[in-house]
Amino acid sequence: MRVNTIITLTIFLLLIACQKEKDYIHLHGDALGTTFSIKYQNNTNYSTSIDSLFTILNNSLSTYHANSIISEINRGDSTVITDNHFENVFLKAKRIYGETNANFDPTVGTLVNAWGFGPEKTDQELDSNTIKELMRFVGFDKVNLSNHTVKKDRPQIYIDFNAIAKGYSVDVIGLFFESKQIENYMVEIGGEMRVRGFNPNGKHWKVGIEKPLTDGSRAIESTLRLNDQSMATSGNYRKFRIDQQGKKHVHTINPKTGYPEQNKLLSASVISKLDCADVDAYATAFMVMGVEKTKEFLQNHTELQVVLIYLDDKNEIKIYDNLLYN
């Protein structure tokens, strides 16, 4: 009798677990030049609506889309009328540009392209004179938004929102779910994510932080649970190129020097109750700032938690975090 009771209880618990999983819809695929994974608790499949949102976001913010709003602005068309998505990102980027003392700067796109990390790949070698010339077109203070149009001090200024657009897109999908009164969801696009409520097991959403491996393999350095938070990670260990002389150039370009930033910070993960667009931009800024300047910044920004993976003076991997465990 006792064995039968245990078996019955086990089956009952399994049925509950399966039912919880059935309550959640899992969508995954490719969008915005990367992959996405979405889970939410609802009986309605919103894949068509989400695809439409991705299309709208691409048409506004993608530098890889030739006819997007940002691409037309970058081609020098000063008559382009911006949409709400472009303006939301522009204003948030302006604020974070100021907060980080210009270490986050979307106009660094001119140099990103020149170093071969933009839509059109190149392996050209850049000398100091070329960098100096290109730096004339860098500085988000040289760009303004007025009456739904963008005004640039110089027509050659190139705006690149790729360091904030993924996070913003995560927010757009999340806010769409909230408009449908969906309380439990996880939205992840290209590693940036926003979560609310609980996962199918009734626990806070569990996420992993990657080891900074350069051989193309993937492994988890640590895991943590997000409680109605956003998280974004920026790193130099995976996206880089080797020039004709065999020198390695990382994709993080310092907007103040014009050169790839070669500090000891390998990756920066930022966690906060703020929007995912915010933490996406901060993570990029921290990669430019390095470990010590990031620590100084965090003293006045207690709303931000971080996991910094870096090399010490002996080139050994170390981890710094200010996580608030709950």
C-alpha atoms as a PDB file:
ATOM      1  CA  MET A   1       0.000   0.000   0.000  1.00  0.00           C
ATOM      2  CA  ARG A   2       2.807   2.387   0.907  1.00  0.00           C
ATOM      3  CA  VAL A   3       4.652   1.659  -2.355  1.00  0.00           C
ATOM      4  CA  ASN A   4       1.490   2.335  -4.331  1.00  0.00           C
ATOM      5  CA  THR A   5       1.014   5.594  -2.433  1.00  0.00           C
ATOM      6  CA  ILE A   6       4.567   6.705  -3.256  1.00  0.00           C
ATOM      7  CA  ILE A   7       4.119   5.800  -6.932  1.00  0.00           C
ATOM      8  CA  THR A   8       0.803   7.645  -7.066  1.00  0.00           C
ATOM      9  CA  LEU A   9       2.341  10.716  -5.402  1.00  0.00           C
ATOM     10  CA  THR A  10       5.312  10.657  -7.793  1.00  0.00           C
ATOM     11  CA  ILE A  11       3.028  10.468 -10.826  1.00  0.00           C
ATOM     12  CA  PHE A  12       0.920  13.278  -9.387  1.00  0.00           C
ATOM     13  CA  LEU A  13       3.980  15.510  -8.931  1.00  0.00           C
ATOM     14  CA  LEU A  14       5.206  14.725 -12.436  1.00  0.00           C
ATOM     15  CA  LEU A  15       1.829  15.648 -13.843  1.00  0.00           C
ATOM     16  CA  ILE A  16       1.972  18.966 -11.988  1.00  0.00           C
ATOM     17  CA  ALA A  17       5.460  19.632 -13.406  1.00  0.00           C
ATOM     18  CA  CYS A  18       4.347  18.754 -16.929  1.00  0.00           C
ATOM     19  CA  GLN A  19       1.291  20.951 -16.569  1.00  0.00           C
ATOM     20  CA  LYS A  20       3.492  23.872 -15.482  1.00  0.00           C
ATOM     21  CA  GLU A  21       5.695  23.373 -18.546  1.00  0.00           C
ATOM     22  CA  LYS A  22       2.599  23.266 -20.761  1.00  0.00           C
ATOM     23  CA  ASP A  23       1.533  26.630 -19.349  1.00  0.00           C
ATOM     24  CA  TYR A  24       4.704  28.190 -20.784  1.00  0.00           C
ATOM     25  CA  ILE A  25       5.323  28.839 -24.459  1.00  0.00           C
ATOM     26  CA  HIS A  26       8.918  28.718 -25.715  1.00  0.00           C
ATOM     27  CA  LEU A  27       9.848  30.625 -28.873  1.00  0.00           C
ATOM     28  CA  HIS A  28      13.328  30.649 -30.364  1.00  0.00           C
ATOM     29  CA  GLY A  29      14.978  31.507 -33.654  1.00  0.00           C
ATOM     30  CA  ASP A  30      17.011  34.175 -35.437  1.00  0.00           C
ATOM     31  CA  ALA A  31      16.361  37.908 -35.395  1.00  0.00           C
ATOM     32  CA  LEU A  32      18.262  41.192 -35.447  1.00  0.00           C
ATOM     33  CA  GLY A  33      21.385  39.420 -36.703  1.00  0.00           C
ATOM     34  CA  THR A  34      21.522  37.055 -33.733  1.00  0.00           C
ATOM     35  CA  THR A  35      19.461  34.398 -31.936  1.00  0.00           C
ATOM     36  CA  PHE A  36      16.617  34.784 -29.480  1.00  0.00           C
ATOM     37  CA  SER A  37      14.929  32.660 -26.826  1.00  0.00           C
ATOM     38  CA  ILE A  38      11.628  33.628 -25.248  1.00  0.00           C
ATOM     39  CA  LYS A  39       9.551  31.865 -22.600  1.00  0.00           C
ATOM     40  CA  TYR A  40       6.299  33.139 -21.151  1.00  0.00           C
ATOM     41  CA  GLN A  41       3.322  31.833 -19.230  1.00  0.00           C
ATOM     42  CA  ASN A  42       0.239  32.106 -21.413  1.00  0.00           C
ATOM     43  CA  ASN A  43      -1.931  29.983 -23.666  1.00  0.00           C
ATOM     44  CA  THR A  44      -1.631  32.327 -26.643  1.00  0.00           C
ATOM     45  CA  ASN A  45       1.166  32.006 -29.198  1.00  0.00           C
ATOM     46  CA  TYR A  46       2.357  35.535 -29.918  1.00  0.00           C
ATOM     47  CA  SER A  47       5.061  34.557 -32.436  1.00  0.00           C
ATOM     48  CA  THR A  48       3.431  36.530 -35.274  1.00  0.00           C
ATOM     49  CA  SER A  49       3.229  39.676 -33.148  1.00  0.00           C
ATOM     50  CA  ILE A  50       6.822  39.256 -32.016  1.00  0.00           C
ATOM     51  CA  ASP A  51       8.019  38.777 -35.607  1.00  0.00           C
ATOM     52  CA  SER A  52       6.252  42.022 -36.496  1.00  0.00           C
ATOM     53  CA  LEU A  53       8.013  43.816 -33.644  1.00  0.00           C
ATOM     54  CA  PHE A  54      11.388  42.498 -34.833  1.00  0.00           C
ATOM     55  CA  THR A  55      10.639  43.843 -38.322  1.00  0.00           C
ATOM     56  CA  ILE A  56       9.724  47.268 -36.957  1.00  0.00           C
ATOM     57  CA  LEU A  57      12.881  47.377 -34.822  1.00  0.00           C
ATOM     58  CA  ASN A  58      15.062  46.338 -37.767  1.00  0.00           C
ATOM     59  CA  ASN A  59      13.509  49.040 -39.929  1.00  0.00           C
ATOM     60  CA  SER A  60      14.346  51.617 -37.281  1.00  0.00           C
ATOM     61  CA  LEU A  61      17.658  50.697 -35.651  1.00  0.00           C
ATOM     62  CA  SER A  62      19.608  48.207 -37.770  1.00  0.00           C
ATOM     63  CA  THR A  63      22.756  49.462 -39.517  1.00  0.00           C
ATOM     64  CA  TYR A  64      22.706  46.140 -41.404  1.00  0.00           C
ATOM     65  CA  HIS A  65      19.378  47.097 -43.008  1.00  0.00           C
ATOM     66  CA  ALA A  66      20.097  49.443 -45.933  1.00  0.00           C
ATOM     67  CA  ASN A  67      16.695  51.140 -45.792  1.00  0.00           C
ATOM     68  CA  SER A  68      16.355  51.506 -42.025  1.00  0.00           C
ATOM     69  CA  ILE A  69      15.885  54.916 -40.439  1.00  0.00           C
ATOM     70  CA  ILE A  70      19.377  54.862 -38.938  1.00  0.00           C
ATOM     71  CA  SER A  71      20.982  53.810 -42.240  1.00  0.00           C
ATOM     72  CA  GLU A  72      19.299  56.650 -44.126  1.00  0.00           C
ATOM     73  CA  ILE A  73      20.455  59.113 -41.467  1.00  0.00           C
ATOM     74  CA  ASN A  74      23.982  57.730 -41.727  1.00  0.00           C
ATOM     75  CA  ARG A  75      23.901  58.305 -45.490  1.00  0.00           C
ATOM     76  CA  GLY A  76      23.409  61.992 -44.754  1.00  0.00           C
ATOM     77  CA  ASP A  77      19.656  62.362 -45.310  1.00  0.00           C
ATOM     78  CA  SER A  78      18.693  65.130 -42.874  1.00  0.00           C
ATOM     79  CA  THR A  79      14.994  64.940 -43.789  1.00  0.00           C
ATOM     80  CA  VAL A  80      14.399  61.452 -42.376  1.00  0.00           C
ATOM     81  CA  ILE A  81      11.558  61.392 -39.845  1.00  0.00           C
ATOM     82  CA  THR A  82      12.449  59.284 -36.821  1.00  0.00           C
ATOM     83  CA  ASP A  83      10.046  56.896 -35.079  1.00  0.00           C
ATOM     84  CA  ASN A  84       9.403  56.278 -31.384  1.00  0.00           C
ATOM     85  CA  HIS A  85      11.914  53.424 -31.196  1.00  0.00           C
ATOM     86  CA  PHE A  86      14.738  55.485 -32.661  1.00  0.00           C
ATOM     87  CA  GLU A  87      13.936  58.400 -30.364  1.00  0.00           C
ATOM     88  CA  ASN A  88      13.694  56.213 -27.262  1.00  0.00           C
ATOM     89  CA  VAL A  89      17.113  54.725 -27.954  1.00  0.00           C
ATOM     90  CA  PHE A  90      18.618  58.077 -28.929  1.00  0.00           C
ATOM     91  CA  LEU A  91      17.540  59.759 -25.678  1.00  0.00           C
ATOM     92  CA  LYS A  92      18.631  56.853 -23.493  1.00  0.00           C
ATOM     93  CA  ALA A  93      21.994  56.743 -25.289  1.00  0.00           C
ATOM     94  CA  LYS A  94      22.419  60.507 -24.760  1.00  0.00           C
ATOM     95  CA  ARG A  95      21.883  60.122 -21.032  1.00  0.00           C
ATOM     96  CA  ILE A  96      24.321  57.225 -20.663  1.00  0.00           C
ATOM     97  CA  TYR A  97      26.848  59.022 -22.883  1.00  0.00           C
ATOM     98  CA  GLY A  98      26.843  61.827 -20.320  1.00  0.00           C
ATOM     99  CA  GLU A  99      26.834  59.575 -17.258  1.00  0.00           C
ATOM    100  CA  THR A 100      29.831  57.553 -18.474  1.00  0.00           C
ATOM    101  CA  ASN A 101      31.859  60.603 -19.504  1.00  0.00           C
ATOM    102  CA  ALA A 102      31.574  59.629 -23.180  1.00  0.00           C
ATOM    103  CA  ASN A 103      32.892  56.089 -22.693  1.00  0.00           C
ATOM    104  CA  PHE A 104      29.598  54.971 -24.229  1.00  0.00           C
ATOM    105  CA  ASP A 105      29.375  56.759 -27.577  1.00  0.00           C
ATOM    106  CA  PRO A 106      27.191  55.573 -30.496  1.00  0.00           C
ATOM    107  CA  THR A 107      29.127  57.765 -32.956  1.00  0.00           C
ATOM    108  CA  VAL A 108      32.130  55.475 -32.538  1.00  0.00           C
ATOM    109  CA  GLY A 109      30.485  53.580 -35.412  1.00  0.00           C
ATOM    110  CA  THR A 110      32.760  55.407 -37.860  1.00  0.00           C
ATOM    111  CA  LEU A 111      35.759  53.746 -36.233  1.00  0.00           C
ATOM    112  CA  VAL A 112      33.996  50.416 -35.701  1.00  0.00           C
ATOM    113  CA  ASN A 113      33.496  50.275 -39.460  1.00  0.00           C
ATOM    114  CA  ALA A 114      37.063  51.360 -40.214  1.00  0.00           C
ATOM    115  CA  TRP A 115      38.476  48.638 -37.949  1.00  0.00           C
ATOM    116  CA  GLY A 116      36.382  46.016 -39.775  1.00  0.00           C
ATOM    117  CA  PHE A 117      33.631  45.345 -37.225  1.00  0.00           C
ATOM    118  CA  GLY A 118      30.740  47.000 -39.070  1.00  0.00           C
ATOM    119  CA  PRO A 119      28.286  45.826 -41.751  1.00  0.00           C
ATOM    120  CA  GLU A 120      31.042  45.893 -44.393  1.00  0.00           C
ATOM    121  CA  LYS A 121      34.069  43.845 -43.356  1.00  0.00           C
ATOM    122  CA  THR A 122      37.544  45.183 -44.094  1.00  0.00           C
ATOM    123  CA  ASP A 123      41.109  44.264 -43.218  1.00  0.00           C
ATOM    124  CA  GLN A 124      42.629  47.644 -44.017  1.00  0.00           C
ATOM    125  CA  GLU A 125      45.453  48.884 -41.820  1.00  0.00           C
ATOM    126  CA  LEU A 126      44.836  52.172 -40.012  1.00  0.00           C
ATOM    127  CA  ASP A 127      47.687  54.573 -39.301  1.00  0.00           C
ATOM    128  CA  SER A 128      47.648  57.389 -36.757  1.00  0.00           C
ATOM    129  CA  ASN A 129      46.796  60.009 -39.385  1.00  0.00           C
ATOM    130  CA  THR A 130      43.743  58.050 -40.510  1.00  0.00           C
ATOM    131  CA  ILE A 131      42.585  57.620 -36.901  1.00  0.00           C
ATOM    132  CA  LYS A 132      43.056  61.341 -36.249  1.00  0.00           C
ATOM    133  CA  GLU A 133      40.979  62.169 -39.324  1.00  0.00           C
ATOM    134  CA  LEU A 134      38.177  59.779 -38.359  1.00  0.00           C
ATOM    135  CA  MET A 135      38.075  61.120 -34.797  1.00  0.00           C
ATOM    136  CA  ARG A 136      36.672  64.374 -36.200  1.00  0.00           C
ATOM    137  CA  PHE A 137      33.438  62.460 -36.758  1.00  0.00           C
ATOM    138  CA  VAL A 138      33.206  60.990 -33.245  1.00  0.00           C
ATOM    139  CA  GLY A 139      31.281  62.557 -30.372  1.00  0.00           C
ATOM    140  CA  PHE A 140      27.604  62.077 -29.546  1.00  0.00           C
ATOM    141  CA  ASP A 141      27.540  65.708 -28.421  1.00  0.00           C
ATOM    142  CA  LYS A 142      27.806  66.552 -32.144  1.00  0.00           C
ATOM    143  CA  VAL A 143      24.412  64.960 -32.820  1.00  0.00           C
ATOM    144  CA  ASN A 144      21.013  66.272 -31.736  1.00  0.00           C
ATOM    145  CA  LEU A 145      17.384  65.263 -32.113  1.00  0.00           C
ATOM    146  CA  SER A 146      14.825  67.987 -32.813  1.00  0.00           C
ATOM    147  CA  ASN A 147      11.292  67.812 -34.199  1.00  0.00           C
ATOM    148  CA  HIS A 148      11.718  64.126 -35.093  1.00  0.00           C
ATOM    149  CA  THR A 149      14.812  64.729 -37.213  1.00  0.00           C
ATOM    150  CA  VAL A 150      18.507  64.223 -36.474  1.00  0.00           C
ATOM    151  CA  LYS A 151      20.959  67.088 -36.847  1.00  0.00           C
ATOM    152  CA  LYS A 152      24.656  66.238 -37.196  1.00  0.00           C
ATOM    153  CA  ASP A 153      27.512  68.744 -36.974  1.00  0.00           C
ATOM    154  CA  ARG A 154      29.208  66.875 -39.805  1.00  0.00           C
ATOM    155  CA  PRO A 155      27.405  64.733 -42.400  1.00  0.00           C
ATOM    156  CA  GLN A 156      30.104  62.018 -42.109  1.00  0.00           C
ATOM    157  CA  ILE A 157      29.114  61.224 -38.512  1.00  0.00           C
ATOM    158  CA  TYR A 158      27.934  57.618 -38.367  1.00  0.00           C
ATOM    159  CA  ILE A 159      25.548  56.514 -35.606  1.00  0.00           C
ATOM    160  CA  ASP A 160      25.709  52.918 -34.402  1.00  0.00           C
ATOM    161  CA  PHE A 161      23.167  51.771 -31.802  1.00  0.00           C
ATOM    162  CA  ASN A 162      24.253  48.109 -31.876  1.00  0.00           C
ATOM    163  CA  ALA A 163      25.586  48.366 -28.300  1.00  0.00           C
ATOM    164  CA  ILE A 164      22.133  49.275 -26.990  1.00  0.00           C
ATOM    165  CA  ALA A 165      19.638  48.116 -29.643  1.00  0.00           C
ATOM    166  CA  LYS A 166      19.572  44.443 -28.589  1.00  0.00           C
ATOM    167  CA  GLY A 167      18.814  45.411 -25.010  1.00  0.00           C
ATOM    168  CA  TYR A 168      16.149  47.836 -26.176  1.00  0.00           C
ATOM    169  CA  SER A 169      14.569  45.147 -28.347  1.00  0.00           C
ATOM    170  CA  VAL A 170      14.436  42.859 -25.299  1.00  0.00           C
ATOM    171  CA  ASP A 171      12.550  45.618 -23.461  1.00  0.00           C
ATOM    172  CA  VAL A 172      10.097  46.085 -26.331  1.00  0.00           C
ATOM    173  CA  ILE A 173       9.169  42.378 -26.275  1.00  0.00           C
ATOM    174  CA  GLY A 174       8.959  42.402 -22.482  1.00  0.00           C
ATOM    175  CA  LEU A 175       6.683  45.440 -22.445  1.00  0.00           C
ATOM    176  CA  PHE A 176       4.524  43.782 -25.093  1.00  0.00           C
ATOM    177  CA  PHE A 177       4.025  40.828 -22.730  1.00  0.00           C
ATOM    178  CA  GLU A 178       3.224  43.143 -19.854  1.00  0.00           C
ATOM    179  CA  SER A 179       0.598  44.876 -22.024  1.00  0.00           C
ATOM    180  CA  LYS A 180      -1.006  41.423 -22.285  1.00  0.00           C
ATOM    181  CA  GLN A 181      -0.934  41.048 -18.464  1.00  0.00           C
ATOM    182  CA  ILE A 182       1.724  38.324 -18.697  1.00  0.00           C
ATOM    183  CA  GLU A 183       3.536  38.305 -15.360  1.00  0.00           C
ATOM    184  CA  ASN A 184       6.028  35.447 -15.868  1.00  0.00           C
ATOM    185  CA  TYR A 185       8.411  35.689 -18.806  1.00  0.00           C
ATOM    186  CA  MET A 186      12.017  35.592 -19.967  1.00  0.00           C
ATOM    187  CA  VAL A 187      13.191  37.405 -23.105  1.00  0.00           C
ATOM    188  CA  GLU A 188      16.753  36.822 -24.332  1.00  0.00           C
ATOM    189  CA  ILE A 189      18.228  38.251 -27.526  1.00  0.00           C
ATOM    190  CA  GLY A 190      21.883  37.642 -28.293  1.00  0.00           C
ATOM    191  CA  GLY A 191      22.677  37.095 -24.621  1.00  0.00           C
ATOM    192  CA  GLU A 192      20.893  40.198 -23.305  1.00  0.00           C
ATOM    193  CA  MET A 193      17.826  39.438 -21.234  1.00  0.00           C
ATOM    194  CA  ARG A 194      14.923  40.709 -19.197  1.00  0.00           C
ATOM    195  CA  VAL A 195      12.890  38.550 -16.822  1.00  0.00           C
ATOM    196  CA  ARG A 196       9.764  38.972 -14.753  1.00  0.00           C
ATOM    197  CA  GLY A 197       8.161  36.631 -12.259  1.00  0.00           C
ATOM    198  CA  PHE A 198       9.047  32.960 -12.186  1.00  0.00           C
ATOM    199  CA  ASN A 199      10.114  30.115 -14.458  1.00  0.00           C
ATOM    200  CA  PRO A 200       8.027  26.939 -14.993  1.00  0.00           C
ATOM    201  CA  ASN A 201       9.480  25.465 -11.780  1.00  0.00           C
ATOM    202  CA  GLY A 202       8.163  28.364  -9.739  1.00  0.00           C
ATOM    203  CA  LYS A 203      11.653  29.771  -9.108  1.00  0.00           C
ATOM    204  CA  HIS A 204      13.411  32.941 -10.187  1.00  0.00           C
ATOM    205  CA  TRP A 205      14.921  32.644 -13.644  1.00  0.00           C
ATOM    206  CA  LYS A 206      18.400  31.076 -13.673  1.00  0.00           C
ATOM    207  CA  VAL A 207      21.010  32.481 -16.061  1.00  0.00           C
ATOM    208  CA  GLY A 208      24.629  31.706 -16.784  1.00  0.00           C
ATOM    209  CA  ILE A 209      27.699  33.882 -17.307  1.00  0.00           C
ATOM    210  CA  GLU A 210      30.131  32.517 -19.865  1.00  0.00           C
ATOM    211  CA  LYS A 211      33.781  31.789 -19.354  1.00  0.00           C
ATOM    212  CA  PRO A 212      35.926  34.100 -21.534  1.00  0.00           C
ATOM    213  CA  LEU A 213      37.119  31.391 -23.923  1.00  0.00           C
ATOM    214  CA  THR A 214      38.840  32.362 -27.189  1.00  0.00           C
ATOM    215  CA  ASP A 215      38.807  28.954 -28.918  1.00  0.00           C
ATOM    216  CA  GLY A 216      35.163  29.176 -29.970  1.00  0.00           C
ATOM    217  CA  SER A 217      33.920  26.758 -27.308  1.00  0.00           C
ATOM    218  CA  ARG A 218      31.366  27.739 -24.681  1.00  0.00           C
ATOM    219  CA  ALA A 219      31.319  27.051 -20.960  1.00  0.00           C
ATOM    220  CA  ILE A 220      29.594  28.598 -17.956  1.00  0.00           C
ATOM    221  CA  GLU A 221      31.698  30.504 -15.429  1.00  0.00           C
ATOM    222  CA  SER A 222      28.912  31.047 -12.899  1.00  0.00           C
ATOM    223  CA  THR A 223      25.134  31.115 -12.580  1.00  0.00           C
ATOM    224  CA  LEU A 224      22.744  33.410 -10.785  1.00  0.00           C
ATOM    225  CA  ARG A 225      19.022  33.963 -10.500  1.00  0.00           C
ATOM    226  CA  LEU A 226      17.366  37.140 -11.709  1.00  0.00           C
ATOM    227  CA  ASN A 227      14.504  38.641  -9.739  1.00  0.00           C
ATOM    228  CA  ASP A 228      12.552  40.968 -12.052  1.00  0.00           C
ATOM    229  CA  GLN A 229      15.851  42.190 -13.488  1.00  0.00           C
ATOM    230  CA  SER A 230      17.710  42.749 -16.738  1.00  0.00           C
ATOM    231  CA  MET A 231      21.184  41.487 -17.579  1.00  0.00           C
ATOM    232  CA  ALA A 232      23.623  42.204 -20.404  1.00  0.00           C
ATOM    233  CA  THR A 233      27.177  41.053 -21.044  1.00  0.00           C
ATOM    234  CA  SER A 234      29.869  42.601 -23.186  1.00  0.00           C
ATOM    235  CA  GLY A 235      33.198  40.897 -23.885  1.00  0.00           C
ATOM    236  CA  ASN A 236      36.303  41.067 -26.034  1.00  0.00           C
ATOM    237  CA  TYR A 237      37.207  37.386 -25.925  1.00  0.00           C
ATOM    238  CA  ARG A 238      35.030  36.200 -28.819  1.00  0.00           C
ATOM    239  CA  LYS A 239      34.740  39.035 -31.343  1.00  0.00           C
ATOM    240  CA  PHE A 240      38.116  40.140 -32.675  1.00  0.00           C
ATOM    241  CA  ARG A 241      40.211  40.062 -35.833  1.00  0.00           C
ATOM    242  CA  ILE A 242      43.876  39.459 -36.619  1.00  0.00           C
ATOM    243  CA  ASP A 243      45.540  41.955 -38.940  1.00  0.00           C
ATOM    244  CA  GLN A 244      48.120  41.224 -41.662  1.00  0.00           C
ATOM    245  CA  GLN A 245      50.940  41.542 -39.145  1.00  0.00           C
ATOM    246  CA  GLY A 246      49.303  39.008 -36.842  1.00  0.00           C
ATOM    247  CA  LYS A 247      48.187  41.600 -34.276  1.00  0.00           C
ATOM    248  CA  LYS A 248      44.895  41.002 -32.502  1.00  0.00           C
ATOM    249  CA  HIS A 249      42.282  43.776 -32.563  1.00  0.00           C
ATOM    250  CA  VAL A 250      39.272  43.480 -30.234  1.00  0.00           C
ATOM    251  CA  HIS A 251      35.896  44.876 -31.275  1.00  0.00           C
ATOM    252  CA  THR A 252      35.559  47.339 -28.371  1.00  0.00           C
ATOM    253  CA  ILE A 253      36.741  50.662 -29.799  1.00  0.00           C
ATOM    254  CA  ASN A 254      37.661  53.406 -27.341  1.00  0.00           C
ATOM    255  CA  PRO A 255      35.745  56.512 -28.517  1.00  0.00           C
ATOM    256  CA  LYS A 256      38.358  58.769 -26.925  1.00  0.00           C
ATOM    257  CA  THR A 257      41.406  57.282 -28.647  1.00  0.00           C
ATOM    258  CA  GLY A 258      39.983  55.696 -31.792  1.00  0.00           C
ATOM    259  CA  TYR A 259      41.831  52.441 -31.131  1.00  0.00           C
ATOM    260  CA  PRO A 260      40.640  49.010 -29.947  1.00  0.00           C
ATOM    261  CA  GLU A 261      40.599  49.052 -26.151  1.00  0.00           C
ATOM    262  CA  GLN A 262      43.271  46.697 -24.812  1.00  0.00           C
ATOM    263  CA  ASN A 263      42.713  46.710 -21.056  1.00  0.00           C
ATOM    264  CA  LYS A 264      42.627  43.697 -18.748  1.00  0.00           C
ATOM    265  CA  LEU A 265      38.836  43.408 -18.635  1.00  0.00           C
ATOM    266  CA  LEU A 266      37.656  40.330 -20.552  1.00  0.00           C
ATOM    267  CA  SER A 267      33.917  40.609 -19.952  1.00  0.00           C
ATOM    268  CA  ALA A 268      31.447  42.753 -18.054  1.00  0.00           C
ATOM    269  CA  SER A 269      28.009  41.507 -17.034  1.00  0.00           C
ATOM    270  CA  VAL A 270      25.614  44.118 -15.673  1.00  0.00           C
ATOM    271  CA  ILE A 271      22.468  43.248 -13.695  1.00  0.00           C
ATOM    272  CA  SER A 272      19.823  45.731 -12.612  1.00  0.00           C
ATOM    273  CA  LYS A 273      16.126  46.485 -12.147  1.00  0.00           C
ATOM    274  CA  LEU A 274      16.633  49.020 -14.940  1.00  0.00           C
ATOM    275  CA  ASP A 275      15.709  48.373 -18.561  1.00  0.00           C
ATOM    276  CA  CYS A 276      17.812  45.943 -20.543  1.00  0.00           C
ATOM    277  CA  ALA A 277      18.788  48.805 -22.874  1.00  0.00           C
ATOM    278  CA  ASP A 278      20.446  50.529 -19.909  1.00  0.00           C
ATOM    279  CA  VAL A 279      22.505  47.555 -18.782  1.00  0.00           C
ATOM    280  CA  ASP A 280      23.433  46.800 -22.404  1.00  0.00           C
ATOM    281  CA  ALA A 281      24.940  50.279 -22.789  1.00  0.00           C
ATOM    282  CA  TYR A 282      26.635  50.214 -19.380  1.00  0.00           C
ATOM    283  CA  ALA A 283      28.272  46.866 -20.167  1.00  0.00           C
ATOM    284  CA  THR A 284      29.797  48.373 -23.323  1.00  0.00           C
ATOM    285  CA  ALA A 285      30.998  51.446 -21.442  1.00  0.00           C
ATOM    286  CA  PHE A 286      32.616  49.298 -18.747  1.00  0.00           C
ATOM    287  CA  MET A 287      34.611  47.388 -21.353  1.00  0.00           C
ATOM    288  CA  VAL A 288      36.136  50.708 -22.389  1.00  0.00           C
ATOM    289  CA  MET A 289      36.597  51.949 -18.820  1.00  0.00           C
ATOM    290  CA  GLY A 290      38.317  48.836 -17.477  1.00  0.00           C
ATOM    291  CA  VAL A 291      38.098  47.325 -14.004  1.00  0.00           C
ATOM    292  CA  GLU A 292      39.223  50.151 -11.714  1.00  0.00           C
ATOM    293  CA  LYS A 293      37.269  52.955 -13.407  1.00  0.00           C
ATOM    294  CA  THR A 294      34.195  50.712 -13.450  1.00  0.00           C
ATOM    295  CA  LYS A 295      34.530  50.122  -9.700  1.00  0.00           C
ATOM    296  CA  GLU A 296      34.733  53.885  -9.160  1.00  0.00           C
ATOM    297  CA  PHE A 297      31.649  54.413 -11.321  1.00  0.00           C
ATOM    298  CA  LEU A 298      29.680  51.816  -9.355  1.00  0.00           C
ATOM    299  CA  GLN A 299      30.215  53.707  -6.106  1.00  0.00           C
ATOM    300  CA  ASN A 300      27.735  56.318  -7.358  1.00  0.00           C
ATOM    301  CA  HIS A 301      25.473  53.849  -9.171  1.00  0.00           C
ATOM    302  CA  THR A 302      24.313  51.395  -6.554  1.00  0.00           C
ATOM    303  CA  GLU A 303      21.414  50.396  -8.821  1.00  0.00           C
ATOM    304  CA  LEU A 304      23.917  48.404 -10.881  1.00  0.00           C
ATOM    305  CA  GLN A 305      25.353  44.998 -10.012  1.00  0.00           C
ATOM    306  CA  VAL A 306      28.235  43.561 -12.013  1.00  0.00           C
ATOM    307  CA  VAL A 307      30.328  40.492 -12.634  1.00  0.00           C
ATOM    308  CA  LEU A 308      33.698  41.517 -14.077  1.00  0.00           C
ATOM    309  CA  ILE A 309      36.049  38.857 -15.435  1.00  0.00           C
ATOM    310  CA  TYR A 310      39.565  40.181 -15.922  1.00  0.00           C
ATOM    311  CA  LEU A 311      43.262  39.358 -15.999  1.00  0.00           C
ATOM    312  CA  ASP A 312      45.423  40.337 -13.034  1.00  0.00           C
ATOM    313  CA  ASP A 313      49.064  41.454 -13.237  1.00  0.00           C
ATOM    314  CA  LYS A 314      50.118  37.813 -13.599  1.00  0.00           C
ATOM    315  CA  ASN A 315      47.622  37.305 -16.458  1.00  0.00           C
ATOM    316  CA  GLU A 316      45.536  35.007 -14.294  1.00  0.00           C
ATOM    317  CA  ILE A 317      41.752  35.176 -14.621  1.00  0.00           C
ATOM    318  CA  LYS A 318      40.009  36.849 -11.693  1.00  0.00           C
ATOM    319  CA  ILE A 319      36.390  37.702 -10.957  1.00  0.00           C
ATOM    320  CA  TYR A 320      34.986  40.768  -9.216  1.00  0.00           C
ATOM    321  CA  ASP A 321      31.310  41.126  -8.341  1.00  0.00           C
ATOM    322  CA  ASN A 322      29.111  43.285  -6.159  1.00  0.00           C
ATOM    323  CA  LEU A 323      26.095  41.019  -6.378  1.00  0.00           C
ATOM    324  CA  LEU A 324      23.322  41.347  -3.834  1.00  0.00           C
ATOM    325  CA  TYR A 325      22.248  37.801  -3.146  1.00  0.00           C
ATOM    326  CA  ASN A 326      18.639  37.228  -2.219  1.00  0.00           C
END
